[in-house]
Amino acid sequence: MEATGSVGKAPGVPRVLVVGGGIAGLGAAQRLCGHSAFPHLRVLEATARAGGRIRSERSFGGVVEVGAHWIHGPSRGNPVFQLAAEYGLLGEKELSEENQLVETGGHVGLPSVSYASSGARVSLPLVAEMATLFYGLIDQTREFLHAAETPVPSVGEYLKKEIGQHVTGWTGDEETRKLKLAVLNSFFNLECCVSGTHSMDLVALAPFGEYTVLPGLDCTFSKGYQGLTNCMMASLPEDTVVFEKPVKTIHWNGSFQEAAFPGETFPVSVECEDGDQFPVHHVIVTVPLGFLKERLDTFFDPPLPAEKAEAIRKIGFGTNNKIFLEFEEPFWEPDCQLIQLVWDDTSPLEDAAPALQDAWFRKLIGFVVLPAFASVHVLCGFIAGLESEFMETLSDEEVLLCLTQVLRRMTGNPQLPAPKSVLRSRWHSAPYTRGSYSYVAVGSTGGDLDLLAQPLPADGAGAQLQILFAGEATHRTFYSTTHGALLSGWREADRLLSLWAPQVQQPRPRL
């Protein structure tokens, strides 16, 4: 097969292609480009920009994070934190020893204010009491990791069973009891955002504790998360990344030729949507799991082995979106950081499923108050699951009108000025992403993430590696995170380095 795309011009040297220019792909490319054994490497990125699910946009007079928001667990064990520090992208507070030692347990801090749909404020001591109960139970769910069996299959069922027992011991009036359940329901919605799932009933209980929480107070990039991937891009040789080059099919276990290399054959040929073919020795696939799920039947030829395909089907991959609202003047207090929304008459113990078009906004957990840009004031709302995916189908005007009504109702102020503008993420609609990040779903285990990470062909130690897999969904303990994605890219680069350059001193992860 003759190629119309070329990766390099030196026979006898490994030709490597990375599919996907997110942090996993850039991390692998950066690692390999630093070695003389890999002079010919290309990254094919389907879109017009690098960064993948890291996406910072100039809007509202500042920078907002449409994708990854925080460095989770910014401390010595976090390679994203270390890399950001090396590039000088973090401030003194973020780098302080004090910040790195904070143990959050992976839990979100308490809201500054909590509004109920009745228009009244919920007492913060009551919210704190329910948060203590909820997060105490979440911590308990992590203890089933090595249990012989679990009482129920999912995290959600376990939480509801335990809450049901607690409710029987509550004293006080019926209104307070209902309000407590409504607050707990809000925490369930928040946990759906954290896990990137529609419902905690979809998240497997047994492996839940395998996800590892690093110490450190979650921090942000003052000039945008994408500054990190921009620095990584800048460190690569010119023209390493080819943009707007979506891959159609990866042909493997073959014998492909290219006119530029008479007599040489390659086991892999990467076929692009535009018809270009890239014969290579190795391809590192870093595309999101949502994309793999959708293209599973056509993206690999021959198809993936049955057990790997089954792992891709079983691992969870959900949607968590953001809705940014810009206001002329803030209606919140100056020190407000997190606004919680609580819907009266909701309860995690009741399976209410109103039509999405009538109630999608009830899944919104509330708003993070972004640092003010000059005279601009922005709230960032989070919403997960099917409601989040439905929100993507609405127009900006519909979302703006709906959330204006929600905020007027919640604050009890029918005259509350409408937001000036709205900006949203649409990760489920994004054709090369199809969602936000992975979780270990009921029916799957951490072993499925390891199975996804295994290179092909899988027929023995001596086999020539052809397809390697990286991305957050291939990291067993840091799935769903940017640091898991970066480590997975390094892992696959090191796999190739050990194959082609065992005599070269491999760089250690920056930990």
Protein backbone atom coordinates (compact mmCIF):
# COMPACT_ATOMS: atom_id res chain seq x y z
CA MET A 1 0.00 0.00 0.00
CA GLU A 2 1.46 3.32 -0.99
CA ALA A 3 1.18 6.16 1.49
CA THR A 4 0.26 9.71 0.67
CA GLY A 5 1.32 10.84 4.14
CA SER A 6 4.86 10.47 5.43
CA VAL A 7 6.22 10.22 8.96
CA GLY A 8 9.93 10.19 8.25
CA LYS A 9 12.63 9.45 5.72
CA ALA A 10 15.10 7.18 7.48
CA PRO A 11 14.69 3.41 7.08
CA GLY A 12 15.79 1.26 9.99
CA VAL A 13 14.52 3.85 12.46
CA PRO A 14 11.19 3.30 14.23
CA ARG A 15 8.35 5.33 12.80
CA VAL A 16 5.81 6.22 15.46
CA LEU A 17 2.43 7.86 15.13
CA VAL A 18 0.44 9.25 18.05
CA VAL A 19 -3.32 9.54 17.50
CA GLY A 20 -4.73 12.42 19.57
CA GLY A 21 -3.13 15.66 20.72
CA GLY A 22 -4.45 15.77 24.27
CA ILE A 23 -2.15 15.71 27.30
CA ALA A 24 -1.60 11.92 26.99
CA GLY A 25 -0.55 12.21 23.33
CA LEU A 26 1.60 15.30 23.93
CA GLY A 27 3.19 13.65 26.96
CA ALA A 28 4.12 10.56 24.93
CA ALA A 29 5.43 12.69 22.06
CA GLN A 30 7.48 14.93 24.36
CA ARG A 31 9.06 11.89 26.02
CA LEU A 32 9.94 10.21 22.72
CA CYS A 33 11.14 13.35 20.94
CA GLY A 34 13.73 13.75 23.66
CA HIS A 35 15.56 10.62 22.42
CA SER A 36 17.75 10.12 19.39
CA ALA A 37 16.11 6.72 18.82
CA PHE A 38 12.91 8.48 17.74
CA PRO A 39 13.75 11.16 15.18
CA HIS A 40 10.55 10.51 13.22
CA LEU A 41 7.33 10.95 15.10
CA ARG A 42 4.02 12.56 14.23
CA VAL A 43 0.95 13.40 16.29
CA LEU A 44 -2.34 13.38 14.35
CA GLU A 45 -4.97 15.62 15.96
CA ALA A 46 -8.53 15.50 14.63
CA THR A 47 -9.39 19.09 15.60
CA ALA A 48 -7.78 22.47 14.96
CA ARG A 49 -6.18 22.69 18.41
CA ALA A 50 -4.07 20.67 20.85
CA GLY A 51 -5.07 19.96 24.43
CA GLY A 52 -8.01 17.59 23.99
CA ARG A 53 -10.22 17.89 27.05
CA ILE A 54 -7.98 20.68 28.33
CA ARG A 55 -9.52 23.73 26.68
CA SER A 56 -9.17 27.31 27.90
CA GLU A 57 -11.11 30.03 26.10
CA ARG A 58 -10.87 33.81 26.16
CA SER A 59 -14.31 34.96 27.12
CA PHE A 60 -15.97 37.56 29.35
CA GLY A 61 -12.71 39.54 29.31
CA GLY A 62 -10.66 36.72 30.85
CA VAL A 63 -9.86 33.02 30.53
CA VAL A 64 -12.41 30.32 31.35
CA GLU A 65 -11.90 26.55 31.44
CA VAL A 66 -14.29 24.84 29.06
CA GLY A 67 -12.59 21.53 29.88
CA ALA A 68 -10.32 20.46 32.76
CA HIS A 69 -10.68 22.95 35.60
CA TRP A 70 -8.49 22.01 38.55
CA ILE A 71 -5.24 20.23 39.23
CA HIS A 72 -6.62 17.57 41.56
CA GLY A 73 -4.18 16.81 44.38
CA PRO A 74 -1.45 19.35 43.51
CA SER A 75 1.50 17.85 45.36
CA ARG A 76 4.78 16.03 44.73
CA GLY A 77 3.04 12.86 43.52
CA ASN A 78 1.18 14.71 40.77
CA PRO A 79 3.07 14.99 37.45
CA VAL A 80 0.75 17.71 36.10
CA PHE A 81 1.49 19.84 39.16
CA GLN A 82 5.23 19.20 38.80
CA LEU A 83 5.21 20.05 35.09
CA ALA A 84 3.14 23.19 35.67
CA ALA A 85 5.62 24.25 38.37
CA GLU A 86 8.58 23.64 36.02
CA TYR A 87 6.95 25.80 33.37
CA GLY A 88 6.31 28.58 35.91
CA LEU A 89 2.54 28.42 35.46
CA LEU A 90 1.56 28.43 39.15
CA GLY A 91 1.58 31.13 41.81
CA GLU A 92 3.21 31.14 45.25
CA LYS A 93 0.04 30.05 47.03
CA GLU A 94 -0.43 27.04 44.73
CA LEU A 95 3.21 26.04 45.15
CA SER A 96 3.26 26.48 48.93
CA GLU A 97 4.14 23.50 51.10
CA GLU A 98 1.00 24.25 53.13
CA ASN A 99 -1.27 23.82 50.07
CA GLN A 100 0.44 20.58 49.07
CA LEU A 101 -0.17 18.98 52.46
CA VAL A 102 -3.93 19.58 52.66
CA GLU A 103 -5.90 16.32 52.74
CA THR A 104 -9.33 16.83 51.15
CA GLY A 105 -10.23 13.15 50.77
CA GLY A 106 -11.32 14.10 47.26
CA HIS A 107 -14.40 15.87 48.65
CA VAL A 108 -15.67 19.23 47.44
CA GLY A 109 -15.74 22.02 50.03
CA LEU A 110 -18.96 23.22 51.64
CA PRO A 111 -21.09 25.80 49.80
CA SER A 112 -20.89 29.46 50.83
CA VAL A 113 -24.65 29.76 50.41
CA SER A 114 -27.39 27.22 49.76
CA TYR A 115 -30.63 28.25 48.03
CA ALA A 116 -33.79 26.14 48.09
CA SER A 117 -36.32 26.20 45.26
CA SER A 118 -38.83 27.65 47.72
CA GLY A 119 -36.80 30.85 47.57
CA ALA A 120 -35.46 30.47 51.11
CA ARG A 121 -31.85 29.95 52.14
CA VAL A 122 -30.99 26.58 53.65
CA SER A 123 -29.22 26.86 56.98
CA LEU A 124 -25.51 26.16 56.51
CA PRO A 125 -25.28 24.07 59.73
CA LEU A 126 -27.95 21.75 58.25
CA VAL A 127 -26.00 21.58 54.95
CA ALA A 128 -22.78 20.84 56.89
CA GLU A 129 -24.54 18.07 58.85
CA MET A 130 -25.71 16.42 55.63
CA ALA A 131 -22.27 16.85 54.03
CA THR A 132 -20.67 15.08 57.00
CA LEU A 133 -23.15 12.22 56.64
CA PHE A 134 -22.78 11.99 52.84
CA TYR A 135 -18.98 12.16 52.70
CA GLY A 136 -18.67 9.79 55.64
CA LEU A 137 -20.68 7.26 53.63
CA ILE A 138 -18.63 7.96 50.48
CA ASP A 139 -15.51 7.16 52.50
CA GLN A 140 -17.14 3.92 53.61
CA THR A 141 -17.78 2.91 50.01
CA ARG A 142 -14.01 2.92 49.41
CA GLU A 143 -13.57 0.20 52.02
CA PHE A 144 -15.08 -2.57 49.85
CA LEU A 145 -12.04 -2.73 47.59
CA HIS A 146 -10.69 -5.96 49.04
CA ALA A 147 -13.96 -7.34 50.39
CA ALA A 148 -14.91 -10.86 49.33
CA GLU A 149 -18.30 -9.55 48.28
CA THR A 150 -20.30 -6.33 48.36
CA PRO A 151 -23.79 -5.86 49.85
CA VAL A 152 -25.04 -4.19 46.63
CA PRO A 153 -23.50 -3.72 43.15
CA SER A 154 -23.31 0.09 43.03
CA VAL A 155 -22.11 3.08 45.04
CA GLY A 156 -25.54 4.71 44.68
CA GLU A 157 -27.44 1.71 46.07
CA TYR A 158 -25.06 1.50 49.03
CA LEU A 159 -25.44 5.21 49.82
CA LYS A 160 -29.24 5.02 49.59
CA LYS A 161 -29.40 1.91 51.79
CA GLU A 162 -27.30 3.59 54.49
CA ILE A 163 -29.16 6.91 54.25
CA GLY A 164 -32.46 5.05 54.55
CA GLN A 165 -31.28 3.63 57.89
CA HIS A 166 -30.10 7.05 59.10
CA VAL A 167 -33.46 8.64 58.25
CA THR A 168 -35.27 6.34 60.67
CA GLY A 169 -33.22 7.82 63.49
CA TRP A 170 -33.84 11.46 62.61
CA THR A 171 -35.83 13.48 65.09
CA GLY A 172 -37.58 16.74 64.34
CA ASP A 173 -40.45 17.81 62.16
CA GLU A 174 -41.40 16.45 58.74
CA GLU A 175 -40.36 19.65 56.90
CA THR A 176 -36.82 19.45 58.25
CA ARG A 177 -36.62 15.76 57.34
CA LYS A 178 -37.68 16.53 53.77
CA LEU A 179 -35.21 19.41 53.53
CA LYS A 180 -32.36 17.16 54.70
CA LEU A 181 -33.22 14.62 51.98
CA ALA A 182 -33.34 17.40 49.37
CA VAL A 183 -29.87 18.59 50.46
CA LEU A 184 -28.60 15.00 50.24
CA ASN A 185 -30.05 14.80 46.74
CA SER A 186 -27.97 17.83 45.80
CA PHE A 187 -24.86 16.04 47.08
CA PHE A 188 -25.76 13.01 44.93
CA ASN A 189 -25.91 15.33 41.90
CA LEU A 190 -22.54 16.79 42.87
CA GLU A 191 -21.02 13.31 43.13
CA CYS A 192 -22.37 12.53 39.63
CA CYS A 193 -20.36 15.52 38.37
CA VAL A 194 -17.24 14.33 40.20
CA SER A 195 -17.61 10.80 38.81
CA GLY A 196 -18.74 11.88 35.35
CA THR A 197 -21.85 9.70 35.46
CA HIS A 198 -25.60 10.03 35.08
CA SER A 199 -26.31 8.24 38.35
CA MET A 200 -24.22 6.82 41.19
CA ASP A 201 -26.28 3.65 40.65
CA LEU A 202 -24.10 3.12 37.55
CA VAL A 203 -20.81 3.29 39.48
CA ALA A 204 -19.45 -0.06 40.70
CA LEU A 205 -19.05 -0.33 44.48
CA ALA A 206 -16.27 -2.94 44.76
CA PRO A 207 -13.57 -1.07 42.75
CA PHE A 208 -14.61 2.45 43.85
CA GLY A 209 -11.82 2.64 46.43
CA GLU A 210 -9.17 1.96 43.80
CA TYR A 211 -9.29 5.56 42.59
CA THR A 212 -6.44 7.28 44.40
CA VAL A 213 -6.83 10.76 45.88
CA LEU A 214 -3.58 12.72 46.09
CA PRO A 215 -2.94 15.28 48.85
CA GLY A 216 -3.08 18.98 48.05
CA LEU A 217 -5.73 21.67 47.82
CA ASP A 218 -7.13 21.59 44.27
CA CYS A 219 -5.84 24.61 42.36
CA THR A 220 -6.36 26.35 39.02
CA PHE A 221 -4.18 28.06 36.43
CA SER A 222 -4.61 31.83 36.63
CA LYS A 223 -3.85 32.14 32.89
CA GLY A 224 -5.60 28.96 31.78
CA TYR A 225 -4.96 25.19 31.93
CA GLN A 226 -4.14 25.23 28.22
CA GLY A 227 -0.96 27.12 29.06
CA LEU A 228 0.39 23.73 30.14
CA THR A 229 -0.35 21.94 26.87
CA ASN A 230 0.85 25.02 24.94
CA CYS A 231 4.23 24.71 26.70
CA MET A 232 4.33 20.99 25.90
CA MET A 233 3.52 21.76 22.25
CA ALA A 234 6.26 24.40 22.10
CA SER A 235 8.83 21.87 23.29
CA LEU A 236 8.16 19.55 20.33
CA PRO A 237 10.03 19.86 17.01
CA GLU A 238 8.20 22.01 14.50
CA ASP A 239 5.45 20.28 12.51
CA THR A 240 5.32 17.30 14.91
CA VAL A 241 1.59 17.82 15.40
CA VAL A 242 -0.65 17.70 12.32
CA PHE A 243 -4.00 19.39 12.95
CA GLU A 244 -7.43 18.67 11.47
CA LYS A 245 -6.29 15.15 10.60
CA PRO A 246 -8.94 12.76 11.93
CA VAL A 247 -8.07 9.08 11.74
CA LYS A 248 -10.60 6.76 10.13
CA THR A 249 -9.10 3.28 10.61
CA ILE A 250 -5.97 1.75 12.10
CA HIS A 251 -4.95 -1.25 9.99
CA TRP A 252 -2.65 -3.55 11.97
CA ASN A 253 -1.09 -7.01 11.88
CA GLY A 254 -0.31 -6.33 8.24
CA SER A 255 2.60 -5.81 5.88
CA PHE A 256 2.39 -2.30 4.47
CA GLN A 257 4.83 -0.58 2.16
CA GLU A 258 5.67 2.94 1.13
CA ALA A 259 7.38 4.11 -2.03
CA ALA A 260 9.88 6.17 -0.03
CA PHE A 261 11.13 2.96 1.64
CA PRO A 262 11.60 0.30 -1.05
CA GLY A 263 11.87 -3.15 0.45
CA GLU A 264 10.75 -2.08 3.92
CA THR A 265 7.43 -3.22 5.37
CA PHE A 266 5.45 -1.84 8.27
CA PRO A 267 2.98 -3.74 10.49
CA VAL A 268 0.58 -0.79 10.88
CA SER A 269 -1.01 1.64 8.44
CA VAL A 270 -3.05 4.53 9.81
CA GLU A 271 -5.77 5.63 7.37
CA CYS A 272 -7.11 9.17 7.76
CA GLU A 273 -10.56 10.48 6.90
CA ASP A 274 -9.03 12.45 4.00
CA GLY A 275 -7.56 9.28 2.47
CA ASP A 276 -3.94 9.78 3.59
CA GLN A 277 -2.16 6.63 4.79
CA PHE A 278 0.72 6.52 7.27
CA PRO A 279 2.61 3.19 7.40
CA VAL A 280 4.38 2.97 10.79
CA HIS A 281 5.97 0.54 13.20
CA HIS A 282 3.94 1.72 16.18
CA VAL A 283 0.83 3.78 16.85
CA ILE A 284 -0.06 5.18 20.29
CA VAL A 285 -3.84 5.61 20.49
CA THR A 286 -4.83 8.32 22.97
CA VAL A 287 -8.40 9.06 21.85
CA PRO A 288 -11.14 9.43 24.51
CA LEU A 289 -13.02 6.31 25.59
CA GLY A 290 -16.30 7.88 24.38
CA PHE A 291 -14.89 8.04 20.85
CA LEU A 292 -13.62 4.44 21.08
CA LYS A 293 -17.05 3.25 22.22
CA GLU A 294 -18.72 4.91 19.25
CA ARG A 295 -16.18 3.84 16.60
CA LEU A 296 -15.29 0.42 18.00
CA ASP A 297 -16.55 -1.49 14.96
CA THR A 298 -14.71 0.58 12.35
CA PHE A 299 -11.65 2.11 14.00
CA PHE A 300 -9.50 -1.05 14.02
CA ASP A 301 -8.90 -3.50 11.19
CA PRO A 302 -8.77 -6.34 12.08
CA PRO A 303 -11.16 -5.69 14.99
CA LEU A 304 -9.78 -5.59 18.53
CA PRO A 305 -9.58 -8.89 20.43
CA ALA A 306 -12.94 -9.70 22.01
CA GLU A 307 -11.87 -9.15 25.62
CA LYS A 308 -10.41 -5.70 24.90
CA ALA A 309 -13.53 -4.71 22.94
CA GLU A 310 -15.65 -5.93 25.85
CA ALA A 311 -13.62 -3.84 28.32
CA ILE A 312 -14.24 -0.74 26.16
CA ARG A 313 -17.98 -1.45 26.21
CA LYS A 314 -18.10 -2.07 29.97
CA ILE A 315 -16.05 0.84 31.36
CA GLY A 316 -18.26 3.84 32.09
CA PHE A 317 -17.91 7.15 30.25
CA GLY A 318 -20.29 9.96 31.09
CA THR A 319 -20.83 13.68 30.58
CA ASN A 320 -20.15 16.57 32.94
CA ASN A 321 -20.73 19.99 31.40
CA LYS A 322 -20.25 23.60 32.47
CA ILE A 323 -22.55 26.56 31.97
CA PHE A 324 -20.92 29.97 32.41
CA LEU A 325 -23.17 32.94 33.15
CA GLU A 326 -21.90 36.52 32.91
CA PHE A 327 -23.49 39.18 35.14
CA GLU A 328 -23.32 42.97 35.08
CA GLU A 329 -23.31 43.00 38.89
CA PRO A 330 -22.92 40.12 41.34
CA PHE A 331 -26.01 39.14 43.35
CA TRP A 332 -23.78 37.08 45.66
CA GLU A 333 -21.65 38.16 48.64
CA PRO A 334 -18.03 39.29 47.98
CA ASP A 335 -16.48 36.23 49.69
CA CYS A 336 -18.89 33.71 48.12
CA GLN A 337 -17.13 30.79 46.40
CA LEU A 338 -19.77 28.11 45.86
CA ILE A 339 -23.53 28.48 45.48
CA GLN A 340 -25.54 25.30 46.09
CA LEU A 341 -29.00 24.73 44.58
CA VAL A 342 -31.41 22.49 46.50
CA TRP A 343 -34.68 21.35 44.98
CA ASP A 344 -37.42 20.98 47.58
CA ASP A 345 -39.33 17.70 47.51
CA THR A 346 -36.45 15.78 45.90
CA SER A 347 -34.94 12.80 47.64
CA PRO A 348 -32.22 10.29 46.74
CA LEU A 349 -34.55 7.62 48.14
CA GLU A 350 -37.18 8.27 45.47
CA ASP A 351 -36.63 7.50 41.78
CA ALA A 352 -38.38 10.47 40.21
CA ALA A 353 -37.73 10.71 36.48
CA PRO A 354 -39.61 13.70 35.04
CA ALA A 355 -39.25 14.40 31.32
CA LEU A 356 -35.87 15.93 30.51
CA GLN A 357 -37.33 18.97 28.78
CA ASP A 358 -39.33 19.82 31.90
CA ALA A 359 -36.70 19.25 34.55
CA TRP A 360 -33.15 19.02 33.10
CA PHE A 361 -32.06 22.05 35.15
CA ARG A 362 -32.79 20.22 38.43
CA LYS A 363 -29.57 18.25 37.92
CA LEU A 364 -27.54 21.49 38.09
CA ILE A 365 -25.56 21.35 41.35
CA GLY A 366 -25.10 25.11 41.63
CA PHE A 367 -22.34 27.50 40.68
CA VAL A 368 -18.67 28.09 41.37
CA VAL A 369 -17.91 31.82 41.57
CA LEU A 370 -15.01 32.54 39.22
CA PRO A 371 -12.42 35.17 40.14
CA ALA A 372 -13.71 38.52 38.81
CA PHE A 373 -12.18 39.75 35.54
CA ALA A 374 -11.92 43.55 35.79
CA SER A 375 -15.60 44.54 36.09
CA VAL A 376 -16.98 41.21 34.83
CA HIS A 377 -18.66 38.69 37.14
CA VAL A 378 -19.02 35.06 36.08
CA LEU A 379 -20.66 32.00 37.62
CA CYS A 380 -19.74 28.50 36.44
CA GLY A 381 -22.49 25.90 36.80
CA PHE A 382 -21.91 22.14 36.66
CA ILE A 383 -24.39 19.55 35.39
CA ALA A 384 -23.89 15.83 34.70
CA GLY A 385 -25.61 12.92 33.02
CA LEU A 386 -28.51 12.71 30.59
CA GLU A 387 -29.75 16.12 31.72
CA SER A 388 -26.36 17.55 30.77
CA GLU A 389 -26.55 15.89 27.35
CA PHE A 390 -30.08 17.25 26.85
CA MET A 391 -28.84 20.74 27.75
CA GLU A 392 -26.45 20.51 24.79
CA THR A 393 -29.42 20.27 22.41
CA LEU A 394 -30.90 23.59 23.58
CA SER A 395 -30.07 27.03 22.21
CA ASP A 396 -28.09 29.58 24.24
CA GLU A 397 -31.28 31.65 24.54
CA GLU A 398 -33.23 28.71 25.98
CA VAL A 399 -30.52 27.94 28.53
CA LEU A 400 -30.19 31.61 29.50
CA LEU A 401 -33.94 32.06 29.94
CA CYS A 402 -34.30 28.84 31.93
CA LEU A 403 -31.43 29.57 34.33
CA THR A 404 -32.60 33.16 34.81
CA GLN A 405 -35.93 31.75 35.99
CA VAL A 406 -34.15 29.21 38.22
CA LEU A 407 -32.01 31.89 39.87
CA ARG A 408 -34.98 34.23 40.39
CA ARG A 409 -36.89 31.40 42.01
CA MET A 410 -33.97 30.24 44.17
CA THR A 411 -32.96 33.69 45.41
CA GLY A 412 -36.56 34.71 45.96
CA ASN A 413 -35.92 37.80 43.85
CA PRO A 414 -38.24 37.96 40.81
CA GLN A 415 -36.45 41.14 39.69
CA LEU A 416 -32.99 39.55 39.58
CA PRO A 417 -31.35 40.86 36.39
CA ALA A 418 -30.84 38.23 33.71
CA PRO A 419 -27.25 37.23 32.90
CA LYS A 420 -25.69 39.23 30.06
CA SER A 421 -24.39 36.16 28.23
CA VAL A 422 -23.88 32.43 28.43
CA LEU A 423 -21.09 30.05 27.37
CA ARG A 424 -21.35 26.27 27.60
CA SER A 425 -19.29 23.17 27.12
CA ARG A 426 -20.81 20.45 24.92
CA TRP A 427 -18.57 17.46 25.50
CA HIS A 428 -21.14 14.83 24.55
CA SER A 429 -21.76 16.46 21.16
CA ALA A 430 -18.04 16.84 20.42
CA PRO A 431 -17.52 14.19 17.68
CA TYR A 432 -14.01 13.18 18.74
CA THR A 433 -14.77 13.08 22.49
CA ARG A 434 -18.43 12.03 23.05
CA GLY A 435 -18.46 12.74 26.77
CA SER A 436 -16.22 13.92 29.58
CA TYR A 437 -14.30 11.15 31.36
CA SER A 438 -14.37 7.56 32.52
CA TYR A 439 -15.57 5.76 35.64
CA VAL A 440 -15.65 2.10 36.66
CA ALA A 441 -19.22 1.10 35.89
CA VAL A 442 -21.28 -1.70 37.40
CA GLY A 443 -20.21 -4.85 35.56
CA SER A 444 -16.63 -3.66 35.12
CA THR A 445 -13.54 -3.62 37.34
CA GLY A 446 -10.18 -1.92 37.53
CA GLY A 447 -8.92 -4.89 35.57
CA ASP A 448 -10.84 -3.59 32.55
CA LEU A 449 -8.81 -0.37 32.61
CA ASP A 450 -5.62 -2.46 32.70
CA LEU A 451 -6.97 -4.54 29.82
CA LEU A 452 -7.61 -1.38 27.80
CA ALA A 453 -4.03 -0.29 28.49
CA GLN A 454 -2.49 -3.53 27.16
CA PRO A 455 -0.70 -3.11 23.81
CA LEU A 456 -1.39 -5.25 20.74
CA PRO A 457 -0.70 -7.84 19.57
CA ALA A 458 -1.06 -9.60 22.89
CA ASP A 459 0.59 -12.88 21.88
CA GLY A 460 3.71 -13.07 23.97
CA ALA A 461 6.62 -11.00 25.22
CA GLY A 462 8.59 -11.26 22.00
CA ALA A 463 5.83 -9.86 19.80
CA GLN A 464 6.50 -6.59 18.04
CA LEU A 465 4.30 -3.95 19.65
CA GLN A 466 2.00 -2.38 17.09
CA ILE A 467 -0.85 -0.54 18.86
CA LEU A 468 -0.30 1.05 22.26
CA PHE A 469 -3.07 2.65 24.32
CA ALA A 470 -2.95 5.74 26.53
CA GLY A 471 -5.41 8.26 27.98
CA GLU A 472 -7.12 8.76 31.33
CA ALA A 473 -9.31 5.66 30.88
CA THR A 474 -6.19 3.47 30.78
CA HIS A 475 -4.91 4.46 34.24
CA ARG A 476 -6.25 2.16 36.92
CA THR A 477 -5.95 4.50 39.91
CA PHE A 478 -5.99 7.99 38.34
CA TYR A 479 -8.71 7.51 35.68
CA SER A 480 -10.74 10.67 34.87
CA THR A 481 -7.80 12.98 35.65
CA THR A 482 -5.24 14.96 33.64
CA HIS A 483 -2.43 13.48 35.74
CA GLY A 484 -3.68 9.97 34.94
CA ALA A 485 -3.70 10.87 31.25
CA LEU A 486 -0.16 12.33 31.38
CA LEU A 487 1.23 9.33 33.25
CA SER A 488 -0.37 6.97 30.71
CA GLY A 489 1.33 8.83 27.84
CA TRP A 490 4.69 8.56 29.61
CA ARG A 491 4.02 4.87 30.29
CA GLU A 492 3.54 4.05 26.61
CA ALA A 493 6.52 6.18 25.55
CA ASP A 494 8.65 4.27 28.08
CA ARG A 495 7.34 1.00 26.65
CA LEU A 496 8.74 1.97 23.23
CA LEU A 497 11.95 3.32 24.73
CA SER A 498 12.61 0.00 26.44
CA LEU A 499 12.05 -1.73 23.09
CA TRP A 500 14.21 0.50 20.88
CA ALA A 501 16.57 2.25 23.25
CA PRO A 502 17.17 -0.03 26.24
CA GLN A 503 20.74 1.25 26.44
CA VAL A 504 19.49 4.84 26.76
CA GLN A 505 18.97 6.03 30.32
CA GLN A 506 15.21 6.46 30.57
CA PRO A 507 14.01 9.65 32.18
CA ARG A 508 12.15 9.06 35.40
CA PRO A 509 8.67 10.46 35.78
CA ARG A 510 8.86 13.92 37.28
CA LEU A 511 7.52 12.88 40.66
